[in-house]
PDB file of N, CA and C in Angstrom:
ATOM      1  N   TYR A   1      65.950  10.531   9.677  1.00  0.00           N
ATOM      2  CA  TYR A   1      65.910   9.909   8.127  1.00  0.00           C
ATOM      3  C   TYR A   1      65.250   8.579   8.126  1.00  0.00           C
ATOM      4  N   VAL A   2      65.194   7.778   8.965  1.00  0.00           N
ATOM      5  CA  VAL A   2      64.788   6.463   8.997  1.00  0.00           C
ATOM      6  C   VAL A   2      63.743   6.089  10.242  1.00  0.00           C
ATOM      7  N   ASN A   3      62.749   5.390  10.127  1.00  0.00           N
ATOM      8  CA  ASN A   3      61.854   5.037  11.278  1.00  0.00           C
ATOM      9  C   ASN A   3      62.249   3.340  11.609  1.00  0.00           C
ATOM     10  N   ALA A   4      62.136   3.132  12.921  1.00  0.00           N
ATOM     11  CA  ALA A   4      62.451   1.686  13.263  1.00  0.00           C
ATOM     12  C   ALA A   4      60.852   1.134  13.593  1.00  0.00           C
ATOM     13  N   VAL A   5      60.724  -0.011  12.841  1.00  0.00           N
ATOM     14  CA  VAL A   5      59.544  -0.799  12.845  1.00  0.00           C
ATOM     15  C   VAL A   5      59.880  -2.028  13.318  1.00  0.00           C
ATOM     16  N   LYS A   6      59.157  -2.283  14.637  1.00  0.00           N
ATOM     17  CA  LYS A   6      59.377  -3.692  15.149  1.00  0.00           C
ATOM     18  C   LYS A   6      58.551  -4.702  14.603  1.00  0.00           C
ATOM     19  N   GLY A   7      58.850  -5.928  15.010  1.00  0.00           N
ATOM     20  CA  GLY A   7      58.014  -7.090  14.624  1.00  0.00           C
ATOM     21  C   GLY A   7      57.999  -7.680  13.209  1.00  0.00           C
ATOM     22  N   HIS A   8      57.266  -8.645  12.987  1.00  0.00           N
ATOM     23  CA  HIS A   8      57.422  -9.265  11.707  1.00  0.00           C
ATOM     24  C   HIS A   8      57.003  -8.225  10.587  1.00  0.00           C
ATOM     25  N   GLY A   9      57.616  -8.152   9.661  1.00  0.00           N
ATOM     26  CA  GLY A   9      57.680  -7.061   8.699  1.00  0.00           C
ATOM     27  C   GLY A   9      58.222  -5.857   8.886  1.00  0.00           C
ATOM     28  N   GLY A  10      59.031  -5.711  10.003  1.00  0.00           N
ATOM     29  CA  GLY A  10      59.563  -4.309  10.398  1.00  0.00           C
ATOM     30  C   GLY A  10      60.738  -4.148   9.651  1.00  0.00           C
ATOM     31  N   GLY A  11      61.439  -3.123  10.292  1.00  0.00           N
ATOM     32  CA  GLY A  11      62.712  -2.866   9.517  1.00  0.00           C
ATOM     33  C   GLY A  11      63.022  -1.488   9.643  1.00  0.00           C
ATOM     34  N   TRP A  12      63.547  -0.743   8.729  1.00  0.00           N
ATOM     35  CA  TRP A  12      64.027   0.570   8.696  1.00  0.00           C
ATOM     36  C   TRP A  12      63.537   1.472   7.673  1.00  0.00           C
ATOM     37  N   PRO A  13      62.399   1.890   7.372  1.00  0.00           N
ATOM     38  CA  PRO A  13      61.639   2.419   6.261  1.00  0.00           C
ATOM     39  C   PRO A  13      62.247   3.825   6.147  1.00  0.00           C
ATOM     40  N   LEU A  14      62.421   4.507   5.300  1.00  0.00           N
ATOM     41  CA  LEU A  14      62.837   6.048   5.364  1.00  0.00           C
ATOM     42  C   LEU A  14      61.764   6.837   5.849  1.00  0.00           C
ATOM     43  N   ALA A  15      62.093   7.855   6.533  1.00  0.00           N
ATOM     44  CA  ALA A  15      61.021   8.740   7.065  1.00  0.00           C
ATOM     45  C   ALA A  15      60.606   9.898   6.262  1.00  0.00           C
ATOM     46  N   LYS A  16      61.552  10.080   5.191  1.00  0.00           N
ATOM     47  CA  LYS A  16      61.485  11.343   4.254  1.00  0.00           C
ATOM     48  C   LYS A  16      61.398  10.815   2.763  1.00  0.00           C
ATOM     49  N   PRO A  17      60.667  11.475   1.773  1.00  0.00           N
ATOM     50  CA  PRO A  17      60.905  11.106   0.497  1.00  0.00           C
ATOM     51  C   PRO A  17      62.421  11.070   0.056  1.00  0.00           C
ATOM     52  N   LEU A  18      62.630  10.269  -0.912  1.00  0.00           N
ATOM     53  CA  LEU A  18      64.096  10.105  -1.507  1.00  0.00           C
ATOM     54  C   LEU A  18      64.520  11.498  -2.150  1.00  0.00           C
ATOM     55  N   HIS A  19      63.837  12.490  -2.692  1.00  0.00           N
ATOM     56  CA  HIS A  19      64.146  13.677  -2.971  1.00  0.00           C
ATOM     57  C   HIS A  19      64.558  14.759  -1.974  1.00  0.00           C
ATOM     58  N   CYS A  20      64.036  14.383  -0.601  1.00  0.00           N
ATOM     59  CA  CYS A  20      64.390  15.099   0.637  1.00  0.00           C
ATOM     60  C   CYS A  20      65.760  14.692   1.364  1.00  0.00           C
ATOM     61  N   ILE A  21      66.356  13.563   0.790  1.00  0.00           N
ATOM     62  CA  ILE A  21      67.495  12.983   1.568  1.00  0.00           C
ATOM     63  C   ILE A  21      68.980  13.045   0.635  1.00  0.00           C
ATOM     64  N   THR A  22      69.835  13.834   1.043  1.00  0.00           N
ATOM     65  CA  THR A  22      71.069  13.986   0.295  1.00  0.00           C
ATOM     66  C   THR A  22      71.982  13.111   0.780  1.00  0.00           C
ATOM     67  N   LEU A  23      73.124  12.827   0.159  1.00  0.00           N
ATOM     68  CA  LEU A  23      74.249  12.068   0.383  1.00  0.00           C
ATOM     69  C   LEU A  23      75.140  12.935   1.660  1.00  0.00           C
ATOM     70  N   LEU A  24      74.872  14.146   1.788  1.00  0.00           N
ATOM     71  CA  LEU A  24      75.279  14.925   2.820  1.00  0.00           C
ATOM     72  C   LEU A  24      74.661  14.411   4.112  1.00  0.00           C
ATOM     73  N   ASP A  25      73.285  14.421   3.904  1.00  0.00           N
ATOM     74  CA  ASP A  25      72.507  13.998   5.247  1.00  0.00           C
ATOM     75  C   ASP A  25      72.781  12.578   5.524  1.00  0.00           C
ATOM     76  N   ILE A  26      73.081  11.628   4.854  1.00  0.00           N
ATOM     77  CA  ILE A  26      73.662  10.290   5.018  1.00  0.00           C
ATOM     78  C   ILE A  26      74.862  10.518   5.732  1.00  0.00           C
ATOM     79  N   HIS A  27      75.798  11.217   5.173  1.00  0.00           N
ATOM     80  CA  HIS A  27      77.118  11.333   6.004  1.00  0.00           C
ATOM     81  C   HIS A  27      77.091  11.831   7.253  1.00  0.00           C
ATOM     82  N   ARG A  28      76.482  12.839   7.545  1.00  0.00           N
ATOM     83  CA  ARG A  28      76.421  13.565   8.783  1.00  0.00           C
ATOM     84  C   ARG A  28      75.449  12.432   9.709  1.00  0.00           C
ATOM     85  N   SER A  29      74.700  11.934   9.376  1.00  0.00           N
ATOM     86  CA  SER A  29      73.855  10.778  10.136  1.00  0.00           C
ATOM     87  C   SER A  29      74.721   9.846  10.626  1.00  0.00           C
ATOM     88  N   LEU A  30      75.656   9.177   9.688  1.00  0.00           N
ATOM     89  CA  LEU A  30      76.531   8.052  10.029  1.00  0.00           C
ATOM     90  C   LEU A  30      77.813   8.504  10.907  1.00  0.00           C
ATOM     91  N   SER A  31      78.493   9.678  10.493  1.00  0.00           N
ATOM     92  CA  SER A  31      79.589   9.973  11.017  1.00  0.00           C
ATOM     93  C   SER A  31      80.010  11.329  10.457  1.00  0.00           C
ATOM     94  N   GLU A  32      80.674  12.119  11.386  1.00  0.00           N
ATOM     95  CA  GLU A  32      81.519  13.104  10.991  1.00  0.00           C
ATOM     96  C   GLU A  32      82.822  12.946  10.729  1.00  0.00           C
ATOM     97  N   ALA A  33      83.236  11.668  10.680  1.00  0.00           N
ATOM     98  CA  ALA A  33      84.685  11.466  10.522  1.00  0.00           C
ATOM     99  C   ALA A  33      85.126  11.989   9.223  1.00  0.00           C
ATOM    100  N   SER A  34      86.477  12.001   9.253  1.00  0.00           N
ATOM    101  CA  SER A  34      87.252  12.328   7.972  1.00  0.00           C
ATOM    102  C   SER A  34      86.753  11.585   6.877  1.00  0.00           C
ATOM    103  N   LEU A  35      86.437  12.444   5.726  1.00  0.00           N
ATOM    104  CA  LEU A  35      86.350  11.731   4.381  1.00  0.00           C
ATOM    105  C   LEU A  35      87.556  10.912   3.937  1.00  0.00           C
ATOM    106  N   PHE A  36      88.699  11.415   4.071  1.00  0.00           N
ATOM    107  CA  PHE A  36      89.844  10.641   3.682  1.00  0.00           C
ATOM    108  C   PHE A  36      90.735   9.976   4.685  1.00  0.00           C
ATOM    109  N   THR A  37      91.361   8.932   4.108  1.00  0.00           N
ATOM    110  CA  THR A  37      92.033   7.954   5.032  1.00  0.00           C
ATOM    111  C   THR A  37      93.670   8.435   5.036  1.00  0.00           C
ATOM    112  N   ILE A  38      93.966   9.238   4.137  1.00  0.00           N
ATOM    113  CA  ILE A  38      95.270   9.554   3.946  1.00  0.00           C
ATOM    114  C   ILE A  38      95.626  10.583   5.218  1.00  0.00           C
ATOM    115  N   GLY A  39      96.697  10.707   5.934  1.00  0.00           N
ATOM    116  CA  GLY A  39      96.831  11.624   6.812  1.00  0.00           C
ATOM    117  C   GLY A  39      98.401  12.047   6.914  1.00  0.00           C
ATOM    118  N   LEU A  40      98.528  12.753   7.788  1.00  0.00           N
ATOM    119  CA  LEU A  40      99.715  13.547   7.988  1.00  0.00           C
ATOM    120  C   LEU A  40     100.818  12.660   8.752  1.00  0.00           C
ATOM    121  N   THR A  41     102.158  12.862   8.465  1.00  0.00           N
ATOM    122  CA  THR A  41     103.074  12.105   9.236  1.00  0.00           C
ATOM    123  C   THR A  41     103.620  13.167  10.531  1.00  0.00           C
ATOM    124  N   ASP A  42     104.155  12.512  11.485  1.00  0.00           N
ATOM    125  CA  ASP A  42     104.699  13.365  12.533  1.00  0.00           C
ATOM    126  C   ASP A  42     105.802  12.497  13.038  1.00  0.00           C
ATOM    127  N   GLU A  43     106.519  11.786  12.072  1.00  0.00           N
ATOM    128  CA  GLU A  43     107.569  10.988  12.736  1.00  0.00           C
ATOM    129  C   GLU A  43     108.860  12.013  13.063  1.00  0.00           C
ATOM    130  N   HIS A  44     109.134  13.146  12.259  1.00  0.00           N
ATOM    131  CA  HIS A  44     110.146  13.923  12.512  1.00  0.00           C
ATOM    132  C   HIS A  44     109.527  15.332  13.002  1.00  0.00           C
ATOM    133  N   THR A  45     109.112  15.349  14.369  1.00  0.00           N
ATOM    134  CA  THR A  45     108.478  16.385  14.769  1.00  0.00           C
ATOM    135  C   THR A  45     109.422  17.658  14.726  1.00  0.00           C
ATOM    136  N   ASN A  46     110.720  17.842  14.555  1.00  0.00           N
ATOM    137  CA  ASN A  46     111.504  18.850  14.456  1.00  0.00           C
ATOM    138  C   ASN A  46     111.858  19.265  13.056  1.00  0.00           C
ATOM    139  N   CYS A  47     111.363  18.516  12.090  1.00  0.00           N
ATOM    140  CA  CYS A  47     111.974  18.900  10.703  1.00  0.00           C
ATOM    141  C   CYS A  47     111.069  19.894  10.045  1.00  0.00           C
ATOM    142  N   PRO A  48     111.649  21.108   9.581  1.00  0.00           N
ATOM    143  CA  PRO A  48     110.803  22.034   9.073  1.00  0.00           C
ATOM    144  C   PRO A  48     110.193  21.607   7.556  1.00  0.00           C
ATOM    145  N   ILE A  49     110.931  20.654   6.988  1.00  0.00           N
ATOM    146  CA  ILE A  49     110.293  20.104   5.526  1.00  0.00           C
ATOM    147  C   ILE A  49     109.024  19.355   6.045  1.00  0.00           C
ATOM    148  N   GLU A  50     108.910  18.560   6.949  1.00  0.00           N
ATOM    149  CA  GLU A  50     107.976  17.677   7.324  1.00  0.00           C
ATOM    150  C   GLU A  50     106.750  18.498   7.522  1.00  0.00           C
ATOM    151  N   LYS A  51     107.167  19.746   8.396  1.00  0.00           N
ATOM    152  CA  LYS A  51     106.033  20.578   9.101  1.00  0.00           C
ATOM    153  C   LYS A  51     105.426  21.351   7.829  1.00  0.00           C
ATOM    154  N   ALA A  52     106.077  21.611   6.855  1.00  0.00           N
ATOM    155  CA  ALA A  52     105.653  22.460   5.648  1.00  0.00           C
ATOM    156  C   ALA A  52     104.842  21.670   4.608  1.00  0.00           C
ATOM    157  N   VAL A  53     105.182  20.463   4.528  1.00  0.00           N
ATOM    158  CA  VAL A  53     104.465  19.288   3.857  1.00  0.00           C
ATOM    159  C   VAL A  53     103.161  19.132   4.323  1.00  0.00           C
ATOM    160  N   ASN A  54     103.165  18.894   5.622  1.00  0.00           N
ATOM    161  CA  ASN A  54     102.126  18.408   6.472  1.00  0.00           C
ATOM    162  C   ASN A  54     101.060  19.717   6.458  1.00  0.00           C
ATOM    163  N   LEU A  55     101.278  21.105   6.608  1.00  0.00           N
ATOM    164  CA  LEU A  55     100.607  22.061   6.347  1.00  0.00           C
ATOM    165  C   LEU A  55     100.215  22.328   4.991  1.00  0.00           C
ATOM    166  N   ALA A  56     100.688  21.810   3.947  1.00  0.00           N
ATOM    167  CA  ALA A  56     100.167  21.919   2.486  1.00  0.00           C
ATOM    168  C   ALA A  56      99.113  20.878   2.130  1.00  0.00           C
ATOM    169  N   ILE A  57      99.538  19.720   2.764  1.00  0.00           N
ATOM    170  CA  ILE A  57      98.421  18.479   2.729  1.00  0.00           C
ATOM    171  C   ILE A  57      97.209  18.920   3.298  1.00  0.00           C
ATOM    172  N   ASP A  58      97.465  19.432   4.756  1.00  0.00           N
ATOM    173  CA  ASP A  58      96.184  19.754   5.574  1.00  0.00           C
ATOM    174  C   ASP A  58      95.323  20.780   4.652  1.00  0.00           C
ATOM    175  N   ASP A  59      95.778  21.589   4.061  1.00  0.00           N
ATOM    176  CA  ASP A  59      95.098  22.765   3.327  1.00  0.00           C
ATOM    177  C   ASP A  59      94.325  21.900   2.193  1.00  0.00           C
ATOM    178  N   VAL A  60      95.031  21.019   1.568  1.00  0.00           N
ATOM    179  CA  VAL A  60      94.464  20.543   0.333  1.00  0.00           C
ATOM    180  C   VAL A  60      93.290  19.742   0.917  1.00  0.00           C
ATOM    181  N   LEU A  61      93.462  18.734   1.916  1.00  0.00           N
ATOM    182  CA  LEU A  61      92.516  17.943   2.237  1.00  0.00           C
ATOM    183  C   LEU A  61      91.350  18.702   2.778  1.00  0.00           C
ATOM    184  N   HIS A  62      91.346  19.819   3.430  1.00  0.00           N
ATOM    185  CA  HIS A  62      90.534  20.461   3.915  1.00  0.00           C
ATOM    186  C   HIS A  62      89.632  21.042   2.784  1.00  0.00           C
ATOM    187  N   GLU A  63      90.408  21.826   1.702  1.00  0.00           N
ATOM    188  CA  GLU A  63      89.624  22.195   0.587  1.00  0.00           C
ATOM    189  C   GLU A  63      88.846  21.101  -0.268  1.00  0.00           C
ATOM    190  N   ALA A  64      89.605  19.997  -0.346  1.00  0.00           N
ATOM    191  CA  ALA A  64      88.878  18.731  -1.059  1.00  0.00           C
ATOM    192  C   ALA A  64      87.906  18.316  -0.297  1.00  0.00           C
ATOM    193  N   GLY A  65      87.705  18.167   1.061  1.00  0.00           N
ATOM    194  CA  GLY A  65      86.592  17.826   1.762  1.00  0.00           C
ATOM    195  C   GLY A  65      85.475  18.929   1.658  1.00  0.00           C
ATOM    196  N   GLN A  66      85.894  20.108   1.746  1.00  0.00           N
ATOM    197  CA  GLN A  66      84.597  21.181   1.541  1.00  0.00           C
ATOM    198  C   GLN A  66      83.779  20.902   0.175  1.00  0.00           C
ATOM    199  N   LEU A  67      84.866  20.590  -0.856  1.00  0.00           N
ATOM    200  CA  LEU A  67      84.228  20.346  -2.180  1.00  0.00           C
ATOM    201  C   LEU A  67      83.391  19.060  -2.170  1.00  0.00           C
ATOM    202  N   VAL A  68      83.776  17.767  -1.539  1.00  0.00           N
ATOM    203  CA  VAL A  68      83.168  16.747  -1.434  1.00  0.00           C
ATOM    204  C   VAL A  68      81.743  16.984  -0.735  1.00  0.00           C
ATOM    205  N   LEU A  69      81.745  17.815   0.586  1.00  0.00           N
ATOM    206  CA  LEU A  69      80.646  17.778   0.999  1.00  0.00           C
ATOM    207  C   LEU A  69      79.743  18.801   0.495  1.00  0.00           C
ATOM    208  N   ARG A  70      80.021  19.759  -0.262  1.00  0.00           N
ATOM    209  CA  ARG A  70      79.088  20.581  -1.220  1.00  0.00           C
ATOM    210  C   ARG A  70      78.459  19.623  -2.269  1.00  0.00           C
ATOM    211  N   ARG A  71      79.288  18.719  -2.911  1.00  0.00           N
ATOM    212  CA  ARG A  71      78.683  18.076  -3.909  1.00  0.00           C
ATOM    213  C   ARG A  71      77.611  17.015  -3.292  1.00  0.00           C
ATOM    214  N   PHE A  72      78.053  16.493  -2.045  1.00  0.00           N
ATOM    215  CA  PHE A  72      77.012  15.471  -1.362  1.00  0.00           C
ATOM    216  C   PHE A  72      75.791  16.039  -1.220  1.00  0.00           C
ATOM    217  N   ALA A  73      75.785  17.516  -0.950  1.00  0.00           N
ATOM    218  CA  ALA A  73      74.583  18.320  -0.606  1.00  0.00           C
ATOM    219  C   ALA A  73      73.732  18.321  -1.946  1.00  0.00           C
ATOM    220  N   GLU A  74      74.254  18.106  -3.014  1.00  0.00           N
ATOM    221  CA  GLU A  74      73.531  18.264  -4.348  1.00  0.00           C
ATOM    222  C   GLU A  74      72.904  16.760  -4.825  1.00  0.00           C
ATOM    223  N   VAL A  75      73.462  15.839  -4.255  1.00  0.00           N
ATOM    224  CA  VAL A  75      73.043  14.643  -4.825  1.00  0.00           C
ATOM    225  C   VAL A  75      71.920  14.061  -3.849  1.00  0.00           C
ATOM    226  N   THR A  76      70.777  13.959  -4.235  1.00  0.00           N
ATOM    227  CA  THR A  76      69.561  13.266  -3.478  1.00  0.00           C
ATOM    228  C   THR A  76      69.505  11.841  -3.932  1.00  0.00           C
ATOM    229  N   LEU A  77      68.762  11.150  -3.136  1.00  0.00           N
ATOM    230  CA  LEU A  77      68.639   9.647  -3.289  1.00  0.00           C
ATOM    231  C   LEU A  77      67.733   9.385  -4.454  1.00  0.00           C
ATOM    232  N   ASP A  78      66.660  10.342  -4.614  1.00  0.00           N
ATOM    233  CA  ASP A  78      65.875  10.129  -5.954  1.00  0.00           C
ATOM    234  C   ASP A  78      66.802  10.203  -7.221  1.00  0.00           C
ATOM    235  N   LYS A  79      67.911  11.034  -7.470  1.00  0.00           N
ATOM    236  CA  LYS A  79      68.610  11.134  -8.501  1.00  0.00           C
ATOM    237  C   LYS A  79      69.484   9.810  -8.614  1.00  0.00           C
ATOM    238  N   LEU A  80      70.021   9.245  -7.338  1.00  0.00           N
ATOM    239  CA  LEU A  80      70.612   8.093  -7.393  1.00  0.00           C
ATOM    240  C   LEU A  80      69.795   6.820  -7.949  1.00  0.00           C
ATOM    241  N   ALA A  81      68.493   6.823  -7.301  1.00  0.00           N
ATOM    242  CA  ALA A  81      67.653   5.692  -7.892  1.00  0.00           C
ATOM    243  C   ALA A  81      67.288   5.675  -9.319  1.00  0.00           C
ATOM    244  N   VAL A  82      67.311   7.203 -10.013  1.00  0.00           N
ATOM    245  CA  VAL A  82      67.016   7.394 -11.520  1.00  0.00           C
ATOM    246  C   VAL A  82      68.372   6.741 -12.055  1.00  0.00           C
ATOM    247  N   GLU A  83      69.496   6.801 -11.703  1.00  0.00           N
ATOM    248  CA  GLU A  83      70.637   6.699 -12.261  1.00  0.00           C
ATOM    249  C   GLU A  83      70.856   5.158 -12.400  1.00  0.00           C
ATOM    250  N   TYR A  84      70.397   4.548 -11.034  1.00  0.00           N
ATOM    251  CA  TYR A  84      70.531   2.992 -10.804  1.00  0.00           C
ATOM    252  C   TYR A  84      69.466   2.384 -11.705  1.00  0.00           C
ATOM    253  N   ALA A  85      68.493   2.882 -11.807  1.00  0.00           N
ATOM    254  CA  ALA A  85      67.372   2.254 -12.790  1.00  0.00           C
ATOM    255  C   ALA A  85      67.818   2.154 -14.088  1.00  0.00           C
ATOM    256  N   ALA A  86      68.511   3.336 -14.840  1.00  0.00           N
ATOM    257  CA  ALA A  86      68.866   3.399 -15.834  1.00  0.00           C
ATOM    258  C   ALA A  86      69.820   2.386 -16.166  1.00  0.00           C
ATOM    259  N   LYS A  87      70.588   2.169 -15.548  1.00  0.00           N
ATOM    260  CA  LYS A  87      71.979   1.320 -15.765  1.00  0.00           C
ATOM    261  C   LYS A  87      71.361  -0.192 -15.678  1.00  0.00           C
ATOM    262  N   LEU A  88      70.326  -0.458 -14.925  1.00  0.00           N
ATOM    263  CA  LEU A  88      69.542  -1.689 -14.953  1.00  0.00           C
ATOM    264  C   LEU A  88      69.028  -2.197 -16.331  1.00  0.00           C
ATOM    265  N   SER A  89      68.501  -1.146 -16.925  1.00  0.00           N
ATOM    266  CA  SER A  89      67.717  -1.314 -18.273  1.00  0.00           C
ATOM    267  C   SER A  89      68.432  -1.218 -19.583  1.00  0.00           C
TER     268      SER A  89
END
């Protein structure tokens, strides 16, 4: 999604037009790490309540993550640029 240009005036210009790059592309390029920093607890590994809560939290986070990724796929950099420009004026 970017090209490396060496020397004076170099940098990292985009390799594709803004309308061809989505937030999902950027997310995948930078990391496939978890979208959320909240996590499960495993302090009481024998506790059935903790296990049930962890399972429920895991399901919710997975579903939320899938929704975020689908939305990321819909947002292109050209859309963000238009929104940004509108807020400046």
